[in-house]
Amino acid sequence: MPRTVEKILQHADELAARFEDYEPNPDDELDANAVTALRAAVAERSEAERHLLDAVRSARESGMPWSAIGSLVGTSGEAARQRYGNKVA
């Protein structure tokens, strides 16, 4: 459904007014320390996942069976194969 230029401009004016009239509520603000800690934890988890994937790839290249890999990562061999199989090939 196409919009008219007038409707688009009206919507833009409404958004601009909302932006200009915005008054932040301190209760809605995020704690900067918590955000920083969470971002760091996400980055660490991402790095750990990359490291784990490299280790699984190396294990498979050395001939380790999925059952052993699964046991070492805390799951079944089939679950490990399903999770990492297409990523290490």
PDB file of N, CA and C in Angstrom:
ATOM      1  N   MET A   1       0.850  -1.159   0.000  1.00  0.00           N
ATOM      2  CA  MET A   1       0.000   0.000   0.000  1.00  0.00           C
ATOM      3  C   MET A   1       0.907   1.238   0.000  1.00  0.00           C
ATOM      4  N   PRO A   2       0.918   1.986  -1.092  1.00  0.00           N
ATOM      5  CA  PRO A   2       1.791   3.156  -1.179  1.00  0.00           C
ATOM      6  C   PRO A   2       1.351   4.272  -0.238  1.00  0.00           C
ATOM      7  N   ARG A   3       2.311   5.011   0.272  1.00  0.00           N
ATOM      8  CA  ARG A   3       2.030   6.139   1.156  1.00  0.00           C
ATOM      9  C   ARG A   3       2.212   7.416   0.365  1.00  0.00           C
ATOM     10  N   THR A   4       1.484   8.394   0.720  1.00  0.00           N
ATOM     11  CA  THR A   4       1.621   9.675   0.041  1.00  0.00           C
ATOM     12  C   THR A   4       2.773  10.456   0.660  1.00  0.00           C
ATOM     13  N   VAL A   5       3.269  11.414  -0.092  1.00  0.00           N
ATOM     14  CA  VAL A   5       4.334  12.267   0.411  1.00  0.00           C
ATOM     15  C   VAL A   5       3.864  13.016   1.648  1.00  0.00           C
ATOM     16  N   GLU A   6       2.620  13.446   1.630  1.00  0.00           N
ATOM     17  CA  GLU A   6       2.078  14.173   2.774  1.00  0.00           C
ATOM     18  C   GLU A   6       2.077  13.315   4.030  1.00  0.00           C
ATOM     19  N   LYS A   7       1.672  12.045   3.890  1.00  0.00           N
ATOM     20  CA  LYS A   7       1.646  11.138   5.054  1.00  0.00           C
ATOM     21  C   LYS A   7       3.068  10.892   5.577  1.00  0.00           C
ATOM     22  N   ILE A   8       4.010  10.726   4.672  1.00  0.00           N
ATOM     23  CA  ILE A   8       5.396  10.494   5.077  1.00  0.00           C
ATOM     24  C   ILE A   8       5.936  11.713   5.829  1.00  0.00           C
ATOM     25  N   LEU A   9       5.663  12.916   5.302  1.00  0.00           N
ATOM     26  CA  LEU A   9       6.118  14.142   5.958  1.00  0.00           C
ATOM     27  C   LEU A   9       5.435  14.336   7.307  1.00  0.00           C
ATOM     28  N   GLN A  10       4.153  13.997   7.387  1.00  0.00           N
ATOM     29  CA  GLN A  10       3.433  14.110   8.651  1.00  0.00           C
ATOM     30  C   GLN A  10       4.046  13.178   9.690  1.00  0.00           C
ATOM     31  N   HIS A  11       4.349  11.960   9.270  1.00  0.00           N
ATOM     32  CA  HIS A  11       4.967  10.999  10.178  1.00  0.00           C
ATOM     33  C   HIS A  11       6.342  11.498  10.631  1.00  0.00           C
ATOM     34  N   ALA A  12       7.122  12.063   9.709  1.00  0.00           N
ATOM     35  CA  ALA A  12       8.438  12.601  10.056  1.00  0.00           C
ATOM     36  C   ALA A  12       8.307  13.733  11.065  1.00  0.00           C
ATOM     37  N   ASP A  13       7.297  14.595  10.886  1.00  0.00           N
ATOM     38  CA  ASP A  13       7.070  15.685  11.839  1.00  0.00           C
ATOM     39  C   ASP A  13       6.703  15.145  13.213  1.00  0.00           C
ATOM     40  N   GLU A  14       5.887  14.094  13.243  1.00  0.00           N
ATOM     41  CA  GLU A  14       5.492  13.489  14.515  1.00  0.00           C
ATOM     42  C   GLU A  14       6.708  12.899  15.235  1.00  0.00           C
ATOM     43  N   LEU A  15       7.558  12.227  14.472  1.00  0.00           N
ATOM     44  CA  LEU A  15       8.766  11.650  15.077  1.00  0.00           C
ATOM     45  C   LEU A  15       9.704  12.746  15.592  1.00  0.00           C
ATOM     46  N   ALA A  16       9.855  13.804  14.822  1.00  0.00           N
ATOM     47  CA  ALA A  16      10.709  14.914  15.249  1.00  0.00           C
ATOM     48  C   ALA A  16      10.178  15.540  16.529  1.00  0.00           C
ATOM     49  N   ALA A  17       8.857  15.709  16.615  1.00  0.00           N
ATOM     50  CA  ALA A  17       8.253  16.293  17.820  1.00  0.00           C
ATOM     51  C   ALA A  17       8.473  15.380  19.023  1.00  0.00           C
ATOM     52  N   ARG A  18       8.325  14.074  18.834  1.00  0.00           N
ATOM     53  CA  ARG A  18       8.558  13.132  19.936  1.00  0.00           C
ATOM     54  C   ARG A  18      10.002  13.220  20.403  1.00  0.00           C
ATOM     55  N   PHE A  19      10.920  13.333  19.468  1.00  0.00           N
ATOM     56  CA  PHE A  19      12.333  13.423  19.807  1.00  0.00           C
ATOM     57  C   PHE A  19      12.607  14.711  20.584  1.00  0.00           C
ATOM     58  N   GLU A  20      12.085  15.816  20.096  1.00  0.00           N
ATOM     59  CA  GLU A  20      12.330  17.107  20.732  1.00  0.00           C
ATOM     60  C   GLU A  20      11.682  17.198  22.113  1.00  0.00           C
ATOM     61  N   ASP A  21      10.547  16.545  22.308  1.00  0.00           N
ATOM     62  CA  ASP A  21       9.814  16.604  23.573  1.00  0.00           C
ATOM     63  C   ASP A  21      10.255  15.541  24.577  1.00  0.00           C
ATOM     64  N   TYR A  22      11.177  14.677  24.175  1.00  0.00           N
ATOM     65  CA  TYR A  22      11.579  13.560  25.035  1.00  0.00           C
ATOM     66  C   TYR A  22      12.274  14.053  26.293  1.00  0.00           C
ATOM     67  N   GLU A  23      11.818  13.565  27.411  1.00  0.00           N
ATOM     68  CA  GLU A  23      12.449  13.827  28.698  1.00  0.00           C
ATOM     69  C   GLU A  23      12.830  12.471  29.291  1.00  0.00           C
ATOM     70  N   PRO A  24      14.121  12.197  29.433  1.00  0.00           N
ATOM     71  CA  PRO A  24      14.524  10.886  29.953  1.00  0.00           C
ATOM     72  C   PRO A  24      14.070  10.673  31.389  1.00  0.00           C
ATOM     73  N   ASN A  25      13.692   9.454  31.667  1.00  0.00           N
ATOM     74  CA  ASN A  25      13.308   9.049  33.005  1.00  0.00           C
ATOM     75  C   ASN A  25      14.492   8.289  33.601  1.00  0.00           C
ATOM     76  N   PRO A  26      15.082   8.787  34.659  1.00  0.00           N
ATOM     77  CA  PRO A  26      16.254   8.111  35.243  1.00  0.00           C
ATOM     78  C   PRO A  26      15.983   6.646  35.600  1.00  0.00           C
ATOM     79  N   ASP A  27      14.747   6.316  35.910  1.00  0.00           N
ATOM     80  CA  ASP A  27      14.424   4.920  36.252  1.00  0.00           C
ATOM     81  C   ASP A  27      14.520   4.004  35.038  1.00  0.00           C
ATOM     82  N   ASP A  28      14.444   4.575  33.832  1.00  0.00           N
ATOM     83  CA  ASP A  28      14.514   3.776  32.607  1.00  0.00           C
ATOM     84  C   ASP A  28      15.939   3.615  32.085  1.00  0.00           C
ATOM     85  N   GLU A  29      16.880   4.346  32.655  1.00  0.00           N
ATOM     86  CA  GLU A  29      18.255   4.312  32.169  1.00  0.00           C
ATOM     87  C   GLU A  29      18.943   3.023  32.613  1.00  0.00           C
ATOM     88  N   LEU A  30      19.804   2.517  31.764  1.00  0.00           N
ATOM     89  CA  LEU A  30      20.559   1.308  32.075  1.00  0.00           C
ATOM     90  C   LEU A  30      21.810   1.671  32.863  1.00  0.00           C
ATOM     91  N   ASP A  31      22.186   0.819  33.780  1.00  0.00           N
ATOM     92  CA  ASP A  31      23.403   1.013  34.559  1.00  0.00           C
ATOM     93  C   ASP A  31      24.607   0.783  33.635  1.00  0.00           C
ATOM     94  N   ALA A  32      25.448   1.793  33.501  1.00  0.00           N
ATOM     95  CA  ALA A  32      26.586   1.724  32.583  1.00  0.00           C
ATOM     96  C   ALA A  32      27.544   0.596  32.960  1.00  0.00           C
ATOM     97  N   ASN A  33      27.759   0.374  34.255  1.00  0.00           N
ATOM     98  CA  ASN A  33      28.662  -0.707  34.674  1.00  0.00           C
ATOM     99  C   ASN A  33      28.098  -2.064  34.307  1.00  0.00           C
ATOM    100  N   ALA A  34      26.795  -2.235  34.463  1.00  0.00           N
ATOM    101  CA  ALA A  34      26.167  -3.508  34.112  1.00  0.00           C
ATOM    102  C   ALA A  34      26.240  -3.747  32.609  1.00  0.00           C
ATOM    103  N   VAL A  35      26.010  -2.702  31.835  1.00  0.00           N
ATOM    104  CA  VAL A  35      26.086  -2.827  30.371  1.00  0.00           C
ATOM    105  C   VAL A  35      27.506  -3.182  29.950  1.00  0.00           C
ATOM    106  N   THR A  36      28.486  -2.525  30.533  1.00  0.00           N
ATOM    107  CA  THR A  36      29.889  -2.802  30.208  1.00  0.00           C
ATOM    108  C   THR A  36      30.257  -4.235  30.556  1.00  0.00           C
ATOM    109  N   ALA A  37      29.845  -4.693  31.725  1.00  0.00           N
ATOM    110  CA  ALA A  37      30.139  -6.064  32.144  1.00  0.00           C
ATOM    111  C   ALA A  37      29.460  -7.082  31.237  1.00  0.00           C
ATOM    112  N   LEU A  38      28.231  -6.792  30.865  1.00  0.00           N
ATOM    113  CA  LEU A  38      27.503  -7.712  29.988  1.00  0.00           C
ATOM    114  C   LEU A  38      28.146  -7.781  28.611  1.00  0.00           C
ATOM    115  N   ARG A  39      28.518  -6.644  28.064  1.00  0.00           N
ATOM    116  CA  ARG A  39      29.183  -6.632  26.752  1.00  0.00           C
ATOM    117  C   ARG A  39      30.490  -7.411  26.804  1.00  0.00           C
ATOM    118  N   ALA A  40      31.248  -7.236  27.862  1.00  0.00           N
ATOM    119  CA  ALA A  40      32.518  -7.959  28.002  1.00  0.00           C
ATOM    120  C   ALA A  40      32.273  -9.459  28.100  1.00  0.00           C
ATOM    121  N   ALA A  41      31.252  -9.854  28.841  1.00  0.00           N
ATOM    122  CA  ALA A  41      30.940 -11.279  28.984  1.00  0.00           C
ATOM    123  C   ALA A  41      30.509 -11.883  27.649  1.00  0.00           C
ATOM    124  N   VAL A  42      29.735 -11.151  26.878  1.00  0.00           N
ATOM    125  CA  VAL A  42      29.311 -11.637  25.561  1.00  0.00           C
ATOM    126  C   VAL A  42      30.520 -11.800  24.645  1.00  0.00           C
ATOM    127  N   ALA A  43      31.439 -10.846  24.688  1.00  0.00           N
ATOM    128  CA  ALA A  43      32.650 -10.941  23.872  1.00  0.00           C
ATOM    129  C   ALA A  43      33.497 -12.140  24.298  1.00  0.00           C
ATOM    130  N   GLU A  44      33.624 -12.363  25.599  1.00  0.00           N
ATOM    131  CA  GLU A  44      34.375 -13.510  26.101  1.00  0.00           C
ATOM    132  C   GLU A  44      33.736 -14.825  25.673  1.00  0.00           C
ATOM    133  N   ARG A  45      32.398 -14.882  25.757  1.00  0.00           N
ATOM    134  CA  ARG A  45      31.705 -16.108  25.344  1.00  0.00           C
ATOM    135  C   ARG A  45      31.917 -16.361  23.863  1.00  0.00           C
ATOM    136  N   SER A  46      31.866 -15.319  23.063  1.00  0.00           N
ATOM    137  CA  SER A  46      32.080 -15.457  21.636  1.00  0.00           C
ATOM    138  C   SER A  46      33.476 -15.994  21.338  1.00  0.00           C
ATOM    139  N   GLU A  47      34.469 -15.453  22.024  1.00  0.00           N
ATOM    140  CA  GLU A  47      35.840 -15.928  21.854  1.00  0.00           C
ATOM    141  C   GLU A  47      35.964 -17.385  22.296  1.00  0.00           C
ATOM    142  N   ALA A  48      35.324 -17.748  23.395  1.00  0.00           N
ATOM    143  CA  ALA A  48      35.359 -19.135  23.872  1.00  0.00           C
ATOM    144  C   ALA A  48      34.695 -20.077  22.866  1.00  0.00           C
ATOM    145  N   GLU A  49      33.597 -19.642  22.268  1.00  0.00           N
ATOM    146  CA  GLU A  49      32.919 -20.470  21.255  1.00  0.00           C
ATOM    147  C   GLU A  49      33.830 -20.678  20.043  1.00  0.00           C
ATOM    148  N   ARG A  50      34.541 -19.631  19.622  1.00  0.00           N
ATOM    149  CA  ARG A  50      35.481 -19.775  18.505  1.00  0.00           C
ATOM    150  C   ARG A  50      36.605 -20.744  18.865  1.00  0.00           C
ATOM    151  N   HIS A  51      37.099 -20.629  20.098  1.00  0.00           N
ATOM    152  CA  HIS A  51      38.163 -21.513  20.561  1.00  0.00           C
ATOM    153  C   HIS A  51      37.668 -22.965  20.600  1.00  0.00           C
ATOM    154  N   LEU A  52      36.453 -23.180  21.100  1.00  0.00           N
ATOM    155  CA  LEU A  52      35.878 -24.523  21.160  1.00  0.00           C
ATOM    156  C   LEU A  52      35.700 -25.098  19.758  1.00  0.00           C
ATOM    157  N   LEU A  53      35.218 -24.288  18.836  1.00  0.00           N
ATOM    158  CA  LEU A  53      35.040 -24.747  17.463  1.00  0.00           C
ATOM    159  C   LEU A  53      36.372 -25.154  16.848  1.00  0.00           C
ATOM    160  N   ASP A  54      37.419 -24.369  17.097  1.00  0.00           N
ATOM    161  CA  ASP A  54      38.752 -24.728  16.598  1.00  0.00           C
ATOM    162  C   ASP A  54      39.220 -26.047  17.206  1.00  0.00           C
ATOM    163  N   ALA A  55      38.950 -26.242  18.491  1.00  0.00           N
ATOM    164  CA  ALA A  55      39.354 -27.477  19.162  1.00  0.00           C
ATOM    165  C   ALA A  55      38.585 -28.675  18.611  1.00  0.00           C
ATOM    166  N   VAL A  56      37.297 -28.509  18.366  1.00  0.00           N
ATOM    167  CA  VAL A  56      36.501 -29.600  17.788  1.00  0.00           C
ATOM    168  C   VAL A  56      37.018 -29.924  16.386  1.00  0.00           C
ATOM    169  N   ARG A  57      37.304 -28.891  15.613  1.00  0.00           N
ATOM    170  CA  ARG A  57      37.830 -29.109  14.262  1.00  0.00           C
ATOM    171  C   ARG A  57      39.137 -29.896  14.325  1.00  0.00           C
ATOM    172  N   SER A  58      40.020 -29.498  15.226  1.00  0.00           N
ATOM    173  CA  SER A  58      41.304 -30.183  15.383  1.00  0.00           C
ATOM    174  C   SER A  58      41.102 -31.634  15.833  1.00  0.00           C
ATOM    175  N   ALA A  59      40.182 -31.836  16.758  1.00  0.00           N
ATOM    176  CA  ALA A  59      39.893 -33.193  17.247  1.00  0.00           C
ATOM    177  C   ALA A  59      39.374 -34.075  16.118  1.00  0.00           C
ATOM    178  N   ARG A  60      38.487 -33.553  15.306  1.00  0.00           N
ATOM    179  CA  ARG A  60      37.950 -34.336  14.190  1.00  0.00           C
ATOM    180  C   ARG A  60      39.042 -34.642  13.171  1.00  0.00           C
ATOM    181  N   GLU A  61      39.905 -33.653  12.899  1.00  0.00           N
ATOM    182  CA  GLU A  61      40.993 -33.864  11.938  1.00  0.00           C
ATOM    183  C   GLU A  61      41.971 -34.919  12.428  1.00  0.00           C
ATOM    184  N   SER A  62      42.077 -35.070  13.755  1.00  0.00           N
ATOM    185  CA  SER A  62      42.981 -36.084  14.300  1.00  0.00           C
ATOM    186  C   SER A  62      42.300 -37.446  14.426  1.00  0.00           C
ATOM    187  N   GLY A  63      41.014 -37.505  14.027  1.00  0.00           N
ATOM    188  CA  GLY A  63      40.306 -38.784  14.029  1.00  0.00           C
ATOM    189  C   GLY A  63      39.464 -39.061  15.255  1.00  0.00           C
ATOM    190  N   MET A  64      39.318 -38.113  16.145  1.00  0.00           N
ATOM    191  CA  MET A  64      38.527 -38.332  17.348  1.00  0.00           C
ATOM    192  C   MET A  64      37.056 -38.522  16.970  1.00  0.00           C
ATOM    193  N   PRO A  65      36.396 -39.553  17.518  1.00  0.00           N
ATOM    194  CA  PRO A  65      34.980 -39.782  17.190  1.00  0.00           C
ATOM    195  C   PRO A  65      34.067 -38.769  17.885  1.00  0.00           C
ATOM    196  N   TRP A  66      32.899 -38.578  17.287  1.00  0.00           N
ATOM    197  CA  TRP A  66      31.925 -37.646  17.852  1.00  0.00           C
ATOM    198  C   TRP A  66      31.529 -38.033  19.271  1.00  0.00           C
ATOM    199  N   SER A  67      31.508 -39.337  19.566  1.00  0.00           N
ATOM    200  CA  SER A  67      31.131 -39.766  20.919  1.00  0.00           C
ATOM    201  C   SER A  67      32.112 -39.232  21.956  1.00  0.00           C
ATOM    202  N   ALA A  68      33.411 -39.245  21.642  1.00  0.00           N
ATOM    203  CA  ALA A  68      34.418 -38.729  22.576  1.00  0.00           C
ATOM    204  C   ALA A  68      34.321 -37.207  22.686  1.00  0.00           C
ATOM    205  N   ILE A  69      34.117 -36.547  21.552  1.00  0.00           N
ATOM    206  CA  ILE A  69      33.978 -35.090  21.566  1.00  0.00           C
ATOM    207  C   ILE A  69      32.757 -34.707  22.397  1.00  0.00           C
ATOM    208  N   GLY A  70      31.653 -35.394  22.167  1.00  0.00           N
ATOM    209  CA  GLY A  70      30.440 -35.112  22.925  1.00  0.00           C
ATOM    210  C   GLY A  70      30.655 -35.278  24.421  1.00  0.00           C
ATOM    211  N   SER A  71      31.333 -36.335  24.788  1.00  0.00           N
ATOM    212  CA  SER A  71      31.606 -36.582  26.198  1.00  0.00           C
ATOM    213  C   SER A  71      32.432 -35.444  26.807  1.00  0.00           C
ATOM    214  N   LEU A  72      33.404 -34.952  26.063  1.00  0.00           N
ATOM    215  CA  LEU A  72      34.279 -33.895  26.568  1.00  0.00           C
ATOM    216  C   LEU A  72      33.595 -32.526  26.624  1.00  0.00           C
ATOM    217  N   VAL A  73      32.596 -32.308  25.768  1.00  0.00           N
ATOM    218  CA  VAL A  73      31.895 -31.023  25.807  1.00  0.00           C
ATOM    219  C   VAL A  73      30.593 -31.106  26.594  1.00  0.00           C
ATOM    220  N   GLY A  74      30.339 -32.268  27.197  1.00  0.00           N
ATOM    221  CA  GLY A  74      29.194 -32.399  28.089  1.00  0.00           C
ATOM    222  C   GLY A  74      27.875 -32.708  27.414  1.00  0.00           C
ATOM    223  N   THR A  75      27.939 -33.438  26.326  1.00  0.00           N
ATOM    224  CA  THR A  75      26.714 -33.802  25.615  1.00  0.00           C
ATOM    225  C   THR A  75      26.914 -35.158  24.963  1.00  0.00           C
ATOM    226  N   SER A  76      25.953 -35.603  24.222  1.00  0.00           N
ATOM    227  CA  SER A  76      26.115 -36.871  23.505  1.00  0.00           C
ATOM    228  C   SER A  76      26.919 -36.635  22.232  1.00  0.00           C
ATOM    229  N   GLY A  77      27.428 -37.696  21.684  1.00  0.00           N
ATOM    230  CA  GLY A  77      28.160 -37.586  20.425  1.00  0.00           C
ATOM    231  C   GLY A  77      27.276 -37.083  19.306  1.00  0.00           C
ATOM    232  N   GLU A  78      26.045 -37.556  19.265  1.00  0.00           N
ATOM    233  CA  GLU A  78      25.109 -37.116  18.223  1.00  0.00           C
ATOM    234  C   GLU A  78      24.804 -35.630  18.358  1.00  0.00           C
ATOM    235  N   ALA A  79      24.608 -35.166  19.580  1.00  0.00           N
ATOM    236  CA  ALA A  79      24.338 -33.740  19.790  1.00  0.00           C
ATOM    237  C   ALA A  79      25.548 -32.899  19.383  1.00  0.00           C
ATOM    238  N   ALA A  80      26.756 -33.388  19.691  1.00  0.00           N
ATOM    239  CA  ALA A  80      27.971 -32.670  19.297  1.00  0.00           C
ATOM    240  C   ALA A  80      28.082 -32.634  17.773  1.00  0.00           C
ATOM    241  N   ARG A  81      27.794 -33.755  17.128  1.00  0.00           N
ATOM    242  CA  ARG A  81      27.851 -33.802  15.664  1.00  0.00           C
ATOM    243  C   ARG A  81      26.847 -32.842  15.054  1.00  0.00           C
ATOM    244  N   GLN A  82      25.635 -32.796  15.608  1.00  0.00           N
ATOM    245  CA  GLN A  82      24.620 -31.893  15.080  1.00  0.00           C
ATOM    246  C   GLN A  82      25.007 -30.429  15.282  1.00  0.00           C
ATOM    247  N   ARG A  83      25.625 -30.143  16.417  1.00  0.00           N
ATOM    248  CA  ARG A  83      25.975 -28.743  16.706  1.00  0.00           C
ATOM    249  C   ARG A  83      27.206 -28.280  15.925  1.00  0.00           C
ATOM    250  N   TYR A  84      28.222 -29.140  15.827  1.00  0.00           N
ATOM    251  CA  TYR A  84      29.492 -28.709  15.251  1.00  0.00           C
ATOM    252  C   TYR A  84      29.810 -29.324  13.902  1.00  0.00           C
ATOM    253  N   GLY A  85      29.105 -30.370  13.532  1.00  0.00           N
ATOM    254  CA  GLY A  85      29.451 -31.100  12.315  1.00  0.00           C
ATOM    255  C   GLY A  85      29.539 -30.258  11.056  1.00  0.00           C
ATOM    256  N   ASN A  86      28.575 -29.406  10.838  1.00  0.00           N
ATOM    257  CA  ASN A  86      28.597 -28.600   9.613  1.00  0.00           C
ATOM    258  C   ASN A  86      29.536 -27.398   9.725  1.00  0.00           C
ATOM    259  N   LYS A  87      30.029 -27.113  10.928  1.00  0.00           N
ATOM    260  CA  LYS A  87      30.915 -25.959  11.132  1.00  0.00           C
ATOM    261  C   LYS A  87      32.393 -26.337  11.031  1.00  0.00           C
ATOM    262  N   VAL A  88      32.697 -27.620  11.180  1.00  0.00           N
ATOM    263  CA  VAL A  88      34.098 -28.046  11.172  1.00  0.00           C
ATOM    264  C   VAL A  88      34.484 -28.717   9.871  1.00  0.00           C
ATOM    265  N   ALA A  89      33.540 -28.988   9.031  1.00  0.00           N
ATOM    266  CA  ALA A  89      33.844 -29.682   7.773  1.00  0.00           C
ATOM    267  C   ALA A  89      34.505 -28.788   6.772  1.00  0.00           C
TER     268      ALA A  89
END
